[in-house]
Amino acid sequence: MLRISKMTDYGTVVMTHLAREPGRRFSARELAQDLGIGVATVSKILKTLERGDLLTAQRGKNGGYRLTRAPESISVAEVIRAMEGPIALTECASDSVRCEQEDSCRVQTNWQRINRAILRALEDVSLADMNESISEGGVAQSALAFYREPHKAAL
């Protein structure tokens, strides 16, 4: 099963919440209360996202965290990278790891192709998109279009 970590899921939830009011600063405590996530967890996520240059922090009475760029220009892929590092489904899809089977593997290029398709899909979804409501029918139609013609479908 392909799955992102719970912390990355929460990171996406936090970033999507911040994207609703991109000019506003939010405290960790306020975000925790709004989202129903523990303050310690939210604080850890915020620090990770700040290190990933997706958030800026300001200390003091009117301090808090806010996005470094407009929600339209921050992709879900960037959030995942900030939280987890490079996105790679398998070792051979990663630029930094060399697999023992690499020289004789017949599926490596296909795993890389699959990884690129998933990465493209994650890069095509912005934080602004994450705040848009999509009906179940809309999701189903997008999924069907993707499976029919993945190189043409827009998610």
C-alpha atoms as a PDB file:
ATOM      1  CA  MET A   1       0.000   0.000   0.000  1.00  0.00           C
ATOM      2  CA  LEU A   2       1.247   3.467  -0.866  1.00  0.00           C
ATOM      3  CA  ARG A   3       0.741   5.790   2.048  1.00  0.00           C
ATOM      4  CA  ILE A   4       2.108   9.056   3.394  1.00  0.00           C
ATOM      5  CA  SER A   5       2.852   9.316   7.094  1.00  0.00           C
ATOM      6  CA  LYS A   6       0.329  10.692   9.571  1.00  0.00           C
ATOM      7  CA  MET A   7       2.639  13.678  10.201  1.00  0.00           C
ATOM      8  CA  THR A   8       2.695  14.456   6.467  1.00  0.00           C
ATOM      9  CA  ASP A   9      -1.074  14.135   6.321  1.00  0.00           C
ATOM     10  CA  TYR A  10      -1.330  16.567   9.241  1.00  0.00           C
ATOM     11  CA  GLY A  11       1.218  18.831   7.530  1.00  0.00           C
ATOM     12  CA  THR A  12      -1.033  18.992   4.480  1.00  0.00           C
ATOM     13  CA  VAL A  13      -4.047  19.737   6.693  1.00  0.00           C
ATOM     14  CA  VAL A  14      -2.136  22.543   8.445  1.00  0.00           C
ATOM     15  CA  MET A  15      -0.921  24.043   5.165  1.00  0.00           C
ATOM     16  CA  THR A  16      -4.397  23.853   3.627  1.00  0.00           C
ATOM     17  CA  HIS A  17      -5.831  25.608   6.679  1.00  0.00           C
ATOM     18  CA  LEU A  18      -3.204  28.362   6.436  1.00  0.00           C
ATOM     19  CA  ALA A  19      -3.975  28.716   2.722  1.00  0.00           C
ATOM     20  CA  ARG A  20      -7.563  29.740   3.509  1.00  0.00           C
ATOM     21  CA  GLU A  21      -6.234  33.041   4.881  1.00  0.00           C
ATOM     22  CA  PRO A  22      -2.748  33.371   3.383  1.00  0.00           C
ATOM     23  CA  GLY A  23      -1.986  36.832   4.770  1.00  0.00           C
ATOM     24  CA  ARG A  24      -2.916  35.960   8.334  1.00  0.00           C
ATOM     25  CA  ARG A  25      -0.531  34.671  10.999  1.00  0.00           C
ATOM     26  CA  PHE A  26      -1.627  31.659  13.025  1.00  0.00           C
ATOM     27  CA  SER A  27      -0.178  30.483  16.330  1.00  0.00           C
ATOM     28  CA  ALA A  28       0.516  26.796  16.915  1.00  0.00           C
ATOM     29  CA  ARG A  29      -2.091  26.807  19.679  1.00  0.00           C
ATOM     30  CA  GLU A  30      -4.721  28.361  17.421  1.00  0.00           C
ATOM     31  CA  LEU A  31      -4.031  25.862  14.632  1.00  0.00           C
ATOM     32  CA  ALA A  32      -4.151  22.958  17.081  1.00  0.00           C
ATOM     33  CA  GLN A  33      -7.524  24.122  18.371  1.00  0.00           C
ATOM     34  CA  ASP A  34      -8.943  24.793  14.880  1.00  0.00           C
ATOM     35  CA  LEU A  35      -7.793  21.410  13.542  1.00  0.00           C
ATOM     36  CA  GLY A  36      -8.176  19.167  16.582  1.00  0.00           C
ATOM     37  CA  ILE A  37      -4.490  18.179  16.556  1.00  0.00           C
ATOM     38  CA  GLY A  38      -2.238  18.339  19.625  1.00  0.00           C
ATOM     39  CA  VAL A  39      -0.216  21.523  20.133  1.00  0.00           C
ATOM     40  CA  ALA A  40       3.073  19.604  20.359  1.00  0.00           C
ATOM     41  CA  THR A  41       2.347  17.849  17.059  1.00  0.00           C
ATOM     42  CA  VAL A  42       1.353  21.091  15.337  1.00  0.00           C
ATOM     43  CA  SER A  43       4.498  22.820  16.672  1.00  0.00           C
ATOM     44  CA  LYS A  44       6.703  20.056  15.302  1.00  0.00           C
ATOM     45  CA  ILE A  45       4.968  20.211  11.920  1.00  0.00           C
ATOM     46  CA  LEU A  46       5.278  23.994  11.746  1.00  0.00           C
ATOM     47  CA  LYS A  47       9.009  23.863  12.456  1.00  0.00           C
ATOM     48  CA  THR A  48       9.495  21.216   9.752  1.00  0.00           C
ATOM     49  CA  LEU A  49       7.520  23.250   7.208  1.00  0.00           C
ATOM     50  CA  GLU A  50       9.443  26.384   8.158  1.00  0.00           C
ATOM     51  CA  ARG A  51      12.742  24.544   7.546  1.00  0.00           C
ATOM     52  CA  GLY A  52      11.299  23.544   4.173  1.00  0.00           C
ATOM     53  CA  ASP A  53      10.813  27.258   3.328  1.00  0.00           C
ATOM     54  CA  LEU A  54       7.053  26.904   3.076  1.00  0.00           C
ATOM     55  CA  LEU A  55       6.282  28.963   6.195  1.00  0.00           C
ATOM     56  CA  THR A  56       7.684  32.034   7.877  1.00  0.00           C
ATOM     57  CA  ALA A  57       7.537  32.547  11.612  1.00  0.00           C
ATOM     58  CA  GLN A  58       7.313  35.784  13.519  1.00  0.00           C
ATOM     59  CA  ARG A  59       7.805  35.859  17.268  1.00  0.00           C
ATOM     60  CA  GLY A  60       6.055  38.146  19.694  1.00  0.00           C
ATOM     61  CA  LYS A  61       2.583  39.267  20.613  1.00  0.00           C
ATOM     62  CA  ASN A  62       1.282  39.404  17.035  1.00  0.00           C
ATOM     63  CA  GLY A  63       3.503  36.573  15.880  1.00  0.00           C
ATOM     64  CA  GLY A  64       2.680  33.274  14.302  1.00  0.00           C
ATOM     65  CA  TYR A  65       3.149  31.346  11.104  1.00  0.00           C
ATOM     66  CA  ARG A  66       2.047  32.091   7.583  1.00  0.00           C
ATOM     67  CA  LEU A  67       2.765  30.846   4.071  1.00  0.00           C
ATOM     68  CA  THR A  68       5.903  32.080   2.311  1.00  0.00           C
ATOM     69  CA  ARG A  69       4.087  32.222  -1.047  1.00  0.00           C
ATOM     70  CA  ALA A  70       0.581  32.362  -2.442  1.00  0.00           C
ATOM     71  CA  PRO A  71      -1.436  29.131  -1.994  1.00  0.00           C
ATOM     72  CA  GLU A  72      -1.633  28.764  -5.781  1.00  0.00           C
ATOM     73  CA  SER A  73       2.153  28.492  -5.994  1.00  0.00           C
ATOM     74  CA  ILE A  74       2.682  25.828  -3.295  1.00  0.00           C
ATOM     75  CA  SER A  75       2.073  22.264  -4.433  1.00  0.00           C
ATOM     76  CA  VAL A  76       1.160  19.226  -2.391  1.00  0.00           C
ATOM     77  CA  ALA A  77       4.429  17.715  -3.647  1.00  0.00           C
ATOM     78  CA  GLU A  78       6.362  20.518  -1.909  1.00  0.00           C
ATOM     79  CA  VAL A  79       4.564  19.842   1.366  1.00  0.00           C
ATOM     80  CA  ILE A  80       5.335  16.119   1.138  1.00  0.00           C
ATOM     81  CA  ARG A  81       9.010  16.847   0.320  1.00  0.00           C
ATOM     82  CA  ALA A  82       9.301  19.233   3.260  1.00  0.00           C
ATOM     83  CA  MET A  83       7.814  16.644   5.608  1.00  0.00           C
ATOM     84  CA  GLU A  84       9.374  13.422   4.260  1.00  0.00           C
ATOM     85  CA  GLY A  85      12.156  14.247   1.835  1.00  0.00           C
ATOM     86  CA  PRO A  86      12.325  13.170  -1.821  1.00  0.00           C
ATOM     87  CA  ILE A  87       9.255  11.473  -3.245  1.00  0.00           C
ATOM     88  CA  ALA A  88      10.135   7.998  -4.499  1.00  0.00           C
ATOM     89  CA  LEU A  89       7.926   4.916  -4.596  1.00  0.00           C
ATOM     90  CA  THR A  90      10.840   2.513  -4.833  1.00  0.00           C
ATOM     91  CA  GLU A  91      14.590   2.711  -4.298  1.00  0.00           C
ATOM     92  CA  CYS A  92      15.212   2.768  -8.038  1.00  0.00           C
ATOM     93  CA  ALA A  93      12.907   5.780  -8.415  1.00  0.00           C
ATOM     94  CA  SER A  94      15.095   7.763  -6.031  1.00  0.00           C
ATOM     95  CA  ASP A  95      18.019   9.804  -7.314  1.00  0.00           C
ATOM     96  CA  SER A  96      20.021   9.260  -4.143  1.00  0.00           C
ATOM     97  CA  VAL A  97      19.860   5.466  -3.773  1.00  0.00           C
ATOM     98  CA  ARG A  98      21.500   2.838  -5.918  1.00  0.00           C
ATOM     99  CA  CYS A  99      19.786  -0.565  -5.851  1.00  0.00           C
ATOM    100  CA  GLU A 100      21.809  -3.784  -5.860  1.00  0.00           C
ATOM    101  CA  GLN A 101      19.684  -5.078  -8.753  1.00  0.00           C
ATOM    102  CA  GLU A 102      19.959  -1.926 -10.853  1.00  0.00           C
ATOM    103  CA  ASP A 103      22.222  -3.358 -13.558  1.00  0.00           C
ATOM    104  CA  SER A 104      19.964  -6.351 -14.282  1.00  0.00           C
ATOM    105  CA  CYS A 105      16.511  -4.968 -13.412  1.00  0.00           C
ATOM    106  CA  ARG A 106      13.944  -4.998 -16.209  1.00  0.00           C
ATOM    107  CA  VAL A 107      11.309  -2.895 -14.411  1.00  0.00           C
ATOM    108  CA  GLN A 108      13.421   0.003 -13.138  1.00  0.00           C
ATOM    109  CA  THR A 109      12.515   2.372 -15.971  1.00  0.00           C
ATOM    110  CA  ASN A 110       8.830   1.582 -15.531  1.00  0.00           C
ATOM    111  CA  TRP A 111       9.002   2.321 -11.780  1.00  0.00           C
ATOM    112  CA  GLN A 112      10.687   5.604 -12.646  1.00  0.00           C
ATOM    113  CA  ARG A 113       7.918   6.345 -15.149  1.00  0.00           C
ATOM    114  CA  ILE A 114       5.255   5.585 -12.531  1.00  0.00           C
ATOM    115  CA  ASN A 115       7.074   7.741  -9.968  1.00  0.00           C
ATOM    116  CA  ARG A 116       7.207  10.657 -12.433  1.00  0.00           C
ATOM    117  CA  ALA A 117       3.451  10.352 -13.105  1.00  0.00           C
ATOM    118  CA  ILE A 118       2.620  10.414  -9.401  1.00  0.00           C
ATOM    119  CA  LEU A 119       5.039  13.268  -8.791  1.00  0.00           C
ATOM    120  CA  ARG A 120       3.462  15.228 -11.656  1.00  0.00           C
ATOM    121  CA  ALA A 121      -0.006  14.657 -10.168  1.00  0.00           C
ATOM    122  CA  LEU A 122       1.159  15.875  -6.741  1.00  0.00           C
ATOM    123  CA  GLU A 123       2.848  18.909  -8.301  1.00  0.00           C
ATOM    124  CA  ASP A 124      -0.333  19.769 -10.211  1.00  0.00           C
ATOM    125  CA  VAL A 125      -2.387  20.139  -7.007  1.00  0.00           C
ATOM    126  CA  SER A 126      -1.825  23.393  -5.127  1.00  0.00           C
ATOM    127  CA  LEU A 127      -2.884  24.393  -1.641  1.00  0.00           C
ATOM    128  CA  ALA A 128      -5.527  26.584  -3.274  1.00  0.00           C
ATOM    129  CA  ASP A 129      -6.841  23.478  -5.060  1.00  0.00           C
ATOM    130  CA  MET A 130      -6.944  21.603  -1.754  1.00  0.00           C
ATOM    131  CA  ASN A 131      -9.431  24.186  -0.452  1.00  0.00           C
ATOM    132  CA  GLU A 132     -11.810  23.677  -3.382  1.00  0.00           C
ATOM    133  CA  SER A 133     -14.752  21.379  -2.871  1.00  0.00           C
ATOM    134  CA  ILE A 134     -14.955  18.515  -5.326  1.00  0.00           C
ATOM    135  CA  SER A 135     -17.957  16.239  -5.528  1.00  0.00           C
ATOM    136  CA  GLU A 136     -17.468  12.486  -5.388  1.00  0.00           C
ATOM    137  CA  GLY A 137     -18.658  12.374  -8.987  1.00  0.00           C
ATOM    138  CA  GLY A 138     -15.999  14.900  -9.966  1.00  0.00           C
ATOM    139  CA  VAL A 139     -13.308  12.823  -8.300  1.00  0.00           C
ATOM    140  CA  ALA A 140     -14.587   9.678 -10.029  1.00  0.00           C
ATOM    141  CA  GLN A 141     -14.596  11.396 -13.441  1.00  0.00           C
ATOM    142  CA  SER A 142     -11.059  12.738 -12.930  1.00  0.00           C
ATOM    143  CA  ALA A 143      -9.847   9.294 -11.877  1.00  0.00           C
ATOM    144  CA  LEU A 144     -11.435   7.650 -14.923  1.00  0.00           C
ATOM    145  CA  ALA A 145      -9.890  10.236 -17.241  1.00  0.00           C
ATOM    146  CA  PHE A 146      -6.490   9.720 -15.606  1.00  0.00           C
ATOM    147  CA  TYR A 147      -6.624   5.945 -16.076  1.00  0.00           C
ATOM    148  CA  ARG A 148      -7.783   6.278 -19.678  1.00  0.00           C
ATOM    149  CA  GLU A 149      -5.202   8.880 -20.689  1.00  0.00           C
ATOM    150  CA  PRO A 150      -2.828   9.696 -17.794  1.00  0.00           C
ATOM    151  CA  HIS A 151      -0.695  12.016 -19.922  1.00  0.00           C
ATOM    152  CA  LYS A 152      -3.718  14.211 -20.816  1.00  0.00           C
ATOM    153  CA  ALA A 153      -5.860  14.105 -17.665  1.00  0.00           C
ATOM    154  CA  ALA A 154      -5.864  17.034 -15.280  1.00  0.00           C
ATOM    155  CA  LEU A 155      -6.464  16.089 -11.661  1.00  0.00           C
END
